[in-house]
Amino acid sequence: MAEFNVDETIDITDVTCPITFVKTKVALEEMDEGQILQVHIADGEPIQNVPRSIKEEGHEVLKIDDNGDGTFEMYIKKIGD
């Protein structure tokens, strides 16, 4: 269980880059500043690219957990509106 109060959760394990970033960005745009988004994301390009792109957008990646099955849980705090 995460130590964050997760406000929204999305699963993007079935999509490829750059759609992974687009779906994450759209989810964040629909949230309020300070809310936490949990993203279920696949290994490879998605986990390499999405956290970097999210940081470039100004949001904070709080934590990334390896699920041990080729997927990760990424927790993002929305910064700004």
PDB file of N, CA and C in Angstrom:
ATOM      1  N   MET A   1       0.850  -1.195   0.000  1.00  0.00           N
ATOM      2  CA  MET A   1       0.000   0.000   0.000  1.00  0.00           C
ATOM      3  C   MET A   1       0.886   1.245   0.000  1.00  0.00           C
ATOM      4  N   ALA A   2       0.511   2.194  -0.787  1.00  0.00           N
ATOM      5  CA  ALA A   2       1.295   3.423  -0.896  1.00  0.00           C
ATOM      6  C   ALA A   2       1.139   4.280   0.353  1.00  0.00           C
ATOM      7  N   GLU A   3       2.156   5.077   0.601  1.00  0.00           N
ATOM      8  CA  GLU A   3       2.086   5.993   1.734  1.00  0.00           C
ATOM      9  C   GLU A   3       1.506   7.340   1.318  1.00  0.00           C
ATOM     10  N   PHE A   4       0.880   7.366   0.168  1.00  0.00           N
ATOM     11  CA  PHE A   4       0.260   8.585  -0.354  1.00  0.00           C
ATOM     12  C   PHE A   4      -1.250   8.391  -0.388  1.00  0.00           C
ATOM     13  N   ASN A   5      -1.975   9.487  -0.280  1.00  0.00           N
ATOM     14  CA  ASN A   5      -3.411   9.450  -0.518  1.00  0.00           C
ATOM     15  C   ASN A   5      -3.614   9.636  -2.017  1.00  0.00           C
ATOM     16  N   VAL A   6      -3.833   8.544  -2.707  1.00  0.00           N
ATOM     17  CA  VAL A   6      -3.972   8.579  -4.162  1.00  0.00           C
ATOM     18  C   VAL A   6      -5.356   9.103  -4.517  1.00  0.00           C
ATOM     19  N   ASP A   7      -5.387  10.112  -5.388  1.00  0.00           N
ATOM     20  CA  ASP A   7      -6.650  10.719  -5.812  1.00  0.00           C
ATOM     21  C   ASP A   7      -7.204  10.087  -7.085  1.00  0.00           C
ATOM     22  N   GLU A   8      -6.331   9.695  -7.979  1.00  0.00           N
ATOM     23  CA  GLU A   8      -6.730   9.088  -9.256  1.00  0.00           C
ATOM     24  C   GLU A   8      -5.736   8.000  -9.620  1.00  0.00           C
ATOM     25  N   THR A   9      -6.197   6.999 -10.368  1.00  0.00           N
ATOM     26  CA  THR A   9      -5.339   5.914 -10.825  1.00  0.00           C
ATOM     27  C   THR A   9      -5.608   5.663 -12.302  1.00  0.00           C
ATOM     28  N   ILE A  10      -4.528   5.489 -13.080  1.00  0.00           N
ATOM     29  CA  ILE A  10      -4.688   5.091 -14.474  1.00  0.00           C
ATOM     30  C   ILE A  10      -3.759   3.915 -14.761  1.00  0.00           C
ATOM     31  N   ASP A  11      -4.162   3.091 -15.722  1.00  0.00           N
ATOM     32  CA  ASP A  11      -3.370   1.946 -16.161  1.00  0.00           C
ATOM     33  C   ASP A  11      -3.013   2.193 -17.626  1.00  0.00           C
ATOM     34  N   ILE A  12      -1.716   2.397 -17.881  1.00  0.00           N
ATOM     35  CA  ILE A  12      -1.266   2.648 -19.254  1.00  0.00           C
ATOM     36  C   ILE A  12      -0.327   1.543 -19.739  1.00  0.00           C
ATOM     37  N   THR A  13      -0.469   0.359 -19.149  1.00  0.00           N
ATOM     38  CA  THR A  13       0.408  -0.748 -19.534  1.00  0.00           C
ATOM     39  C   THR A  13       0.095  -1.272 -20.932  1.00  0.00           C
ATOM     40  N   ASP A  14      -1.079  -0.963 -21.450  1.00  0.00           N
ATOM     41  CA  ASP A  14      -1.477  -1.486 -22.755  1.00  0.00           C
ATOM     42  C   ASP A  14      -1.241  -0.504 -23.898  1.00  0.00           C
ATOM     43  N   VAL A  15      -0.599   0.624 -23.634  1.00  0.00           N
ATOM     44  CA  VAL A  15      -0.328   1.604 -24.691  1.00  0.00           C
ATOM     45  C   VAL A  15       1.177   1.827 -24.818  1.00  0.00           C
ATOM     46  N   THR A  16       1.589   2.363 -25.976  1.00  0.00           N
ATOM     47  CA  THR A  16       3.006   2.576 -26.240  1.00  0.00           C
ATOM     48  C   THR A  16       3.326   4.065 -26.277  1.00  0.00           C
ATOM     49  N   CYS A  17       4.618   4.374 -26.188  1.00  0.00           N
ATOM     50  CA  CYS A  17       5.076   5.760 -26.288  1.00  0.00           C
ATOM     51  C   CYS A  17       4.783   6.274 -27.691  1.00  0.00           C
ATOM     52  N   PRO A  18       4.406   7.515 -27.855  1.00  0.00           N
ATOM     53  CA  PRO A  18       4.282   8.571 -26.845  1.00  0.00           C
ATOM     54  C   PRO A  18       2.903   8.658 -26.198  1.00  0.00           C
ATOM     55  N   ILE A  19       2.009   7.719 -26.519  1.00  0.00           N
ATOM     56  CA  ILE A  19       0.655   7.772 -25.963  1.00  0.00           C
ATOM     57  C   ILE A  19       0.683   7.614 -24.443  1.00  0.00           C
ATOM     58  N   THR A  20       1.681   6.904 -23.910  1.00  0.00           N
ATOM     59  CA  THR A  20       1.793   6.761 -22.460  1.00  0.00           C
ATOM     60  C   THR A  20       1.896   8.122 -21.792  1.00  0.00           C
ATOM     61  N   PHE A  21       2.732   8.992 -22.338  1.00  0.00           N
ATOM     62  CA  PHE A  21       2.886  10.341 -21.777  1.00  0.00           C
ATOM     63  C   PHE A  21       1.609  11.151 -21.968  1.00  0.00           C
ATOM     64  N   VAL A  22       1.003  11.052 -23.143  1.00  0.00           N
ATOM     65  CA  VAL A  22      -0.212  11.818 -23.439  1.00  0.00           C
ATOM     66  C   VAL A  22      -1.316  11.455 -22.445  1.00  0.00           C
ATOM     67  N   LYS A  23      -1.526  10.171 -22.206  1.00  0.00           N
ATOM     68  CA  LYS A  23      -2.579   9.745 -21.279  1.00  0.00           C
ATOM     69  C   LYS A  23      -2.284  10.220 -19.851  1.00  0.00           C
ATOM     70  N   THR A  24      -1.010  10.176 -19.465  1.00  0.00           N
ATOM     71  CA  THR A  24      -0.624  10.650 -18.132  1.00  0.00           C
ATOM     72  C   THR A  24      -0.854  12.148 -18.018  1.00  0.00           C
ATOM     73  N   LYS A  25      -0.456  12.891 -19.040  1.00  0.00           N
ATOM     74  CA  LYS A  25      -0.620  14.346 -19.032  1.00  0.00           C
ATOM     75  C   LYS A  25      -2.100  14.734 -18.978  1.00  0.00           C
ATOM     76  N   VAL A  26      -2.934  14.065 -19.752  1.00  0.00           N
ATOM     77  CA  VAL A  26      -4.374  14.354 -19.760  1.00  0.00           C
ATOM     78  C   VAL A  26      -4.978  14.076 -18.383  1.00  0.00           C
ATOM     79  N   ALA A  27      -4.585  12.963 -17.762  1.00  0.00           N
ATOM     80  CA  ALA A  27      -5.098  12.644 -16.423  1.00  0.00           C
ATOM     81  C   ALA A  27      -4.711  13.734 -15.428  1.00  0.00           C
ATOM     82  N   LEU A  28      -3.473  14.212 -15.505  1.00  0.00           N
ATOM     83  CA  LEU A  28      -3.020  15.272 -14.597  1.00  0.00           C
ATOM     84  C   LEU A  28      -3.767  16.577 -14.844  1.00  0.00           C
ATOM     85  N   GLU A  29      -4.060  16.883 -16.108  1.00  0.00           N
ATOM     86  CA  GLU A  29      -4.769  18.123 -16.434  1.00  0.00           C
ATOM     87  C   GLU A  29      -6.155  18.156 -15.815  1.00  0.00           C
ATOM     88  N   GLU A  30      -6.765  16.986 -15.594  1.00  0.00           N
ATOM     89  CA  GLU A  30      -8.109  16.913 -15.034  1.00  0.00           C
ATOM     90  C   GLU A  30      -8.107  16.932 -13.507  1.00  0.00           C
ATOM     91  N   MET A  31      -6.921  16.988 -12.909  1.00  0.00           N
ATOM     92  CA  MET A  31      -6.791  16.956 -11.452  1.00  0.00           C
ATOM     93  C   MET A  31      -6.490  18.352 -10.908  1.00  0.00           C
ATOM     94  N   ASP A  32      -6.665  18.493  -9.590  1.00  0.00           N
ATOM     95  CA  ASP A  32      -6.356  19.743  -8.917  1.00  0.00           C
ATOM     96  C   ASP A  32      -4.911  19.735  -8.431  1.00  0.00           C
ATOM     97  N   GLU A  33      -4.351  20.923  -8.280  1.00  0.00           N
ATOM     98  CA  GLU A  33      -2.986  21.044  -7.774  1.00  0.00           C
ATOM     99  C   GLU A  33      -2.860  20.344  -6.430  1.00  0.00           C
ATOM    100  N   GLY A  34      -1.767  19.603  -6.266  1.00  0.00           N
ATOM    101  CA  GLY A  34      -1.504  18.897  -5.021  1.00  0.00           C
ATOM    102  C   GLY A  34      -2.059  17.480  -4.969  1.00  0.00           C
ATOM    103  N   GLN A  35      -2.922  17.129  -5.906  1.00  0.00           N
ATOM    104  CA  GLN A  35      -3.467  15.777  -5.916  1.00  0.00           C
ATOM    105  C   GLN A  35      -2.411  14.781  -6.421  1.00  0.00           C
ATOM    106  N   ILE A  36      -2.618  13.509  -6.076  1.00  0.00           N
ATOM    107  CA  ILE A  36      -1.679  12.448  -6.417  1.00  0.00           C
ATOM    108  C   ILE A  36      -2.298  11.515  -7.451  1.00  0.00           C
ATOM    109  N   LEU A  37      -1.540  11.270  -8.524  1.00  0.00           N
ATOM    110  CA  LEU A  37      -1.937  10.345  -9.582  1.00  0.00           C
ATOM    111  C   LEU A  37      -1.064   9.101  -9.486  1.00  0.00           C
ATOM    112  N   GLN A  38      -1.702   7.933  -9.423  1.00  0.00           N
ATOM    113  CA  GLN A  38      -0.984   6.659  -9.470  1.00  0.00           C
ATOM    114  C   GLN A  38      -1.083   6.132 -10.890  1.00  0.00           C
ATOM    115  N   VAL A  39       0.075   5.835 -11.484  1.00  0.00           N
ATOM    116  CA  VAL A  39       0.118   5.354 -12.860  1.00  0.00           C
ATOM    117  C   VAL A  39       0.702   3.947 -12.872  1.00  0.00           C
ATOM    118  N   HIS A  40      -0.075   2.996 -13.396  1.00  0.00           N
ATOM    119  CA  HIS A  40       0.397   1.625 -13.592  1.00  0.00           C
ATOM    120  C   HIS A  40       1.021   1.610 -14.988  1.00  0.00           C
ATOM    121  N   ILE A  41       2.326   1.390 -15.057  1.00  0.00           N
ATOM    122  CA  ILE A  41       3.090   1.629 -16.277  1.00  0.00           C
ATOM    123  C   ILE A  41       4.024   0.445 -16.558  1.00  0.00           C
ATOM    124  N   ALA A  42       4.277   0.192 -17.831  1.00  0.00           N
ATOM    125  CA  ALA A  42       5.118  -0.937 -18.242  1.00  0.00           C
ATOM    126  C   ALA A  42       6.599  -0.575 -18.236  1.00  0.00           C
ATOM    127  N   ASP A  43       7.414  -1.625 -18.186  1.00  0.00           N
ATOM    128  CA  ASP A  43       8.867  -1.496 -18.272  1.00  0.00           C
ATOM    129  C   ASP A  43       9.259  -1.071 -19.686  1.00  0.00           C
ATOM    130  N   GLY A  44      10.514  -0.690 -19.858  1.00  0.00           N
ATOM    131  CA  GLY A  44      11.020  -0.297 -21.173  1.00  0.00           C
ATOM    132  C   GLY A  44      10.871   1.197 -21.402  1.00  0.00           C
ATOM    133  N   GLU A  45      10.518   1.548 -22.633  1.00  0.00           N
ATOM    134  CA  GLU A  45      10.395   2.963 -22.993  1.00  0.00           C
ATOM    135  C   GLU A  45       9.455   3.746 -22.085  1.00  0.00           C
ATOM    136  N   PRO A  46       8.269   3.211 -21.750  1.00  0.00           N
ATOM    137  CA  PRO A  46       7.365   4.002 -20.900  1.00  0.00           C
ATOM    138  C   PRO A  46       7.999   4.427 -19.578  1.00  0.00           C
ATOM    139  N   ILE A  47       8.600   3.492 -18.842  1.00  0.00           N
ATOM    140  CA  ILE A  47       9.144   3.855 -17.525  1.00  0.00           C
ATOM    141  C   ILE A  47      10.415   4.693 -17.672  1.00  0.00           C
ATOM    142  N   GLN A  48      11.070   4.623 -18.808  1.00  0.00           N
ATOM    143  CA  GLN A  48      12.241   5.458 -19.041  1.00  0.00           C
ATOM    144  C   GLN A  48      11.847   6.886 -19.413  1.00  0.00           C
ATOM    145  N   ASN A  49      10.789   7.023 -20.213  1.00  0.00           N
ATOM    146  CA  ASN A  49      10.444   8.327 -20.781  1.00  0.00           C
ATOM    147  C   ASN A  49       9.401   9.121 -19.999  1.00  0.00           C
ATOM    148  N   VAL A  50       8.370   8.455 -19.507  1.00  0.00           N
ATOM    149  CA  VAL A  50       7.265   9.188 -18.876  1.00  0.00           C
ATOM    150  C   VAL A  50       7.714   9.971 -17.638  1.00  0.00           C
ATOM    151  N   PRO A  51       8.467   9.367 -16.704  1.00  0.00           N
ATOM    152  CA  PRO A  51       8.878  10.167 -15.534  1.00  0.00           C
ATOM    153  C   PRO A  51       9.678  11.414 -15.923  1.00  0.00           C
ATOM    154  N   ARG A  52      10.566  11.281 -16.875  1.00  0.00           N
ATOM    155  CA  ARG A  52      11.358  12.436 -17.318  1.00  0.00           C
ATOM    156  C   ARG A  52      10.456  13.519 -17.918  1.00  0.00           C
ATOM    157  N   SER A  53       9.531  13.099 -18.764  1.00  0.00           N
ATOM    158  CA  SER A  53       8.630  14.065 -19.404  1.00  0.00           C
ATOM    159  C   SER A  53       7.722  14.744 -18.391  1.00  0.00           C
ATOM    160  N   ILE A  54       7.269  13.993 -17.400  1.00  0.00           N
ATOM    161  CA  ILE A  54       6.402  14.559 -16.360  1.00  0.00           C
ATOM    162  C   ILE A  54       7.163  15.619 -15.558  1.00  0.00           C
ATOM    163  N   LYS A  55       8.422  15.317 -15.224  1.00  0.00           N
ATOM    164  CA  LYS A  55       9.247  16.296 -14.503  1.00  0.00           C
ATOM    165  C   LYS A  55       9.454  17.549 -15.344  1.00  0.00           C
ATOM    166  N   GLU A  56       9.663  17.378 -16.647  1.00  0.00           N
ATOM    167  CA  GLU A  56       9.833  18.529 -17.540  1.00  0.00           C
ATOM    168  C   GLU A  56       8.581  19.387 -17.591  1.00  0.00           C
ATOM    169  N   GLU A  57       7.413  18.772 -17.354  1.00  0.00           N
ATOM    170  CA  GLU A  57       6.149  19.507 -17.314  1.00  0.00           C
ATOM    171  C   GLU A  57       5.984  20.269 -15.993  1.00  0.00           C
ATOM    172  N   GLY A  58       6.868  19.987 -15.031  1.00  0.00           N
ATOM    173  CA  GLY A  58       6.822  20.703 -13.763  1.00  0.00           C
ATOM    174  C   GLY A  58       6.180  19.944 -12.616  1.00  0.00           C
ATOM    175  N   HIS A  59       5.768  18.701 -12.861  1.00  0.00           N
ATOM    176  CA  HIS A  59       5.145  17.898 -11.813  1.00  0.00           C
ATOM    177  C   HIS A  59       6.224  17.140 -11.039  1.00  0.00           C
ATOM    178  N   GLU A  60       5.841  16.590  -9.896  1.00  0.00           N
ATOM    179  CA  GLU A  60       6.794  15.901  -9.036  1.00  0.00           C
ATOM    180  C   GLU A  60       6.527  14.396  -9.030  1.00  0.00           C
ATOM    181  N   VAL A  61       7.526  13.613  -9.421  1.00  0.00           N
ATOM    182  CA  VAL A  61       7.433  12.160  -9.320  1.00  0.00           C
ATOM    183  C   VAL A  61       7.842  11.802  -7.890  1.00  0.00           C
ATOM    184  N   LEU A  62       6.878  11.345  -7.110  1.00  0.00           N
ATOM    185  CA  LEU A  62       7.114  11.071  -5.699  1.00  0.00           C
ATOM    186  C   LEU A  62       7.827   9.745  -5.476  1.00  0.00           C
ATOM    187  N   LYS A  63       7.439   8.738  -6.245  1.00  0.00           N
ATOM    188  CA  LYS A  63       7.986   7.403  -6.030  1.00  0.00           C
ATOM    189  C   LYS A  63       7.673   6.521  -7.220  1.00  0.00           C
ATOM    190  N   ILE A  64       8.569   5.573  -7.493  1.00  0.00           N
ATOM    191  CA  ILE A  64       8.332   4.545  -8.501  1.00  0.00           C
ATOM    192  C   ILE A  64       8.619   3.195  -7.844  1.00  0.00           C
ATOM    193  N   ASP A  65       7.618   2.336  -7.823  1.00  0.00           N
ATOM    194  CA  ASP A  65       7.753   0.994  -7.252  1.00  0.00           C
ATOM    195  C   ASP A  65       7.786  -0.037  -8.363  1.00  0.00           C
ATOM    196  N   ASP A  66       8.750  -0.943  -8.302  1.00  0.00           N
ATOM    197  CA  ASP A  66       8.849  -2.056  -9.239  1.00  0.00           C
ATOM    198  C   ASP A  66       7.952  -3.179  -8.741  1.00  0.00           C
ATOM    199  N   ASN A  67       6.978  -3.567  -9.552  1.00  0.00           N
ATOM    200  CA  ASN A  67       6.061  -4.640  -9.159  1.00  0.00           C
ATOM    201  C   ASN A  67       6.671  -6.026  -9.347  1.00  0.00           C
ATOM    202  N   GLY A  68       7.834  -6.103 -10.023  1.00  0.00           N
ATOM    203  CA  GLY A  68       8.490  -7.376 -10.223  1.00  0.00           C
ATOM    204  C   GLY A  68       7.912  -8.224 -11.338  1.00  0.00           C
ATOM    205  N   ASP A  69       6.975  -7.654 -12.084  1.00  0.00           N
ATOM    206  CA  ASP A  69       6.347  -8.404 -13.171  1.00  0.00           C
ATOM    207  C   ASP A  69       6.432  -7.661 -14.505  1.00  0.00           C
ATOM    208  N   GLY A  70       7.383  -6.742 -14.602  1.00  0.00           N
ATOM    209  CA  GLY A  70       7.511  -5.951 -15.822  1.00  0.00           C
ATOM    210  C   GLY A  70       6.660  -4.697 -15.810  1.00  0.00           C
ATOM    211  N   THR A  71       6.045  -4.414 -14.663  1.00  0.00           N
ATOM    212  CA  THR A  71       5.267  -3.185 -14.523  1.00  0.00           C
ATOM    213  C   THR A  71       5.723  -2.436 -13.277  1.00  0.00           C
ATOM    214  N   PHE A  72       5.345  -1.168 -13.228  1.00  0.00           N
ATOM    215  CA  PHE A  72       5.712  -0.289 -12.129  1.00  0.00           C
ATOM    216  C   PHE A  72       4.492   0.502 -11.692  1.00  0.00           C
ATOM    217  N   GLU A  73       4.540   0.987 -10.453  1.00  0.00           N
ATOM    218  CA  GLU A  73       3.563   1.963  -9.960  1.00  0.00           C
ATOM    219  C   GLU A  73       4.326   3.272  -9.786  1.00  0.00           C
ATOM    220  N   MET A  74       3.873   4.290 -10.477  1.00  0.00           N
ATOM    221  CA  MET A  74       4.505   5.609 -10.388  1.00  0.00           C
ATOM    222  C   MET A  74       3.506   6.555  -9.733  1.00  0.00           C
ATOM    223  N   TYR A  75       3.993   7.330  -8.779  1.00  0.00           N
ATOM    224  CA  TYR A  75       3.141   8.274  -8.044  1.00  0.00           C
ATOM    225  C   TYR A  75       3.595   9.686  -8.382  1.00  0.00           C
ATOM    226  N   ILE A  76       2.647  10.479  -8.897  1.00  0.00           N
ATOM    227  CA  ILE A  76       2.958  11.834  -9.369  1.00  0.00           C
ATOM    228  C   ILE A  76       2.098  12.835  -8.617  1.00  0.00           C
ATOM    229  N   LYS A  77       2.739  13.885  -8.117  1.00  0.00           N
ATOM    230  CA  LYS A  77       2.010  14.986  -7.475  1.00  0.00           C
ATOM    231  C   LYS A  77       1.864  16.099  -8.502  1.00  0.00           C
ATOM    232  N   LYS A  78       0.612  16.525  -8.712  1.00  0.00           N
ATOM    233  CA  LYS A  78       0.369  17.610  -9.666  1.00  0.00           C
ATOM    234  C   LYS A  78       0.831  18.924  -9.066  1.00  0.00           C
ATOM    235  N   ILE A  79       1.667  19.624  -9.828  1.00  0.00           N
ATOM    236  CA  ILE A  79       2.161  20.935  -9.426  1.00  0.00           C
ATOM    237  C   ILE A  79       1.591  21.956 -10.413  1.00  0.00           C
ATOM    238  N   GLY A  80       0.977  22.995  -9.886  1.00  0.00           N
ATOM    239  CA  GLY A  80       0.418  24.037 -10.757  1.00  0.00           C
ATOM    240  C   GLY A  80      -0.923  23.614 -11.323  1.00  0.00           C
ATOM    241  N   ASP A  81      -1.568  24.584 -11.974  1.00  0.00           N
ATOM    242  CA  ASP A  81      -2.881  24.330 -12.552  1.00  0.00           C
ATOM    243  C   ASP A  81      -2.961  24.642 -13.998  1.00  0.00           C
TER     244      ASP A  81
END
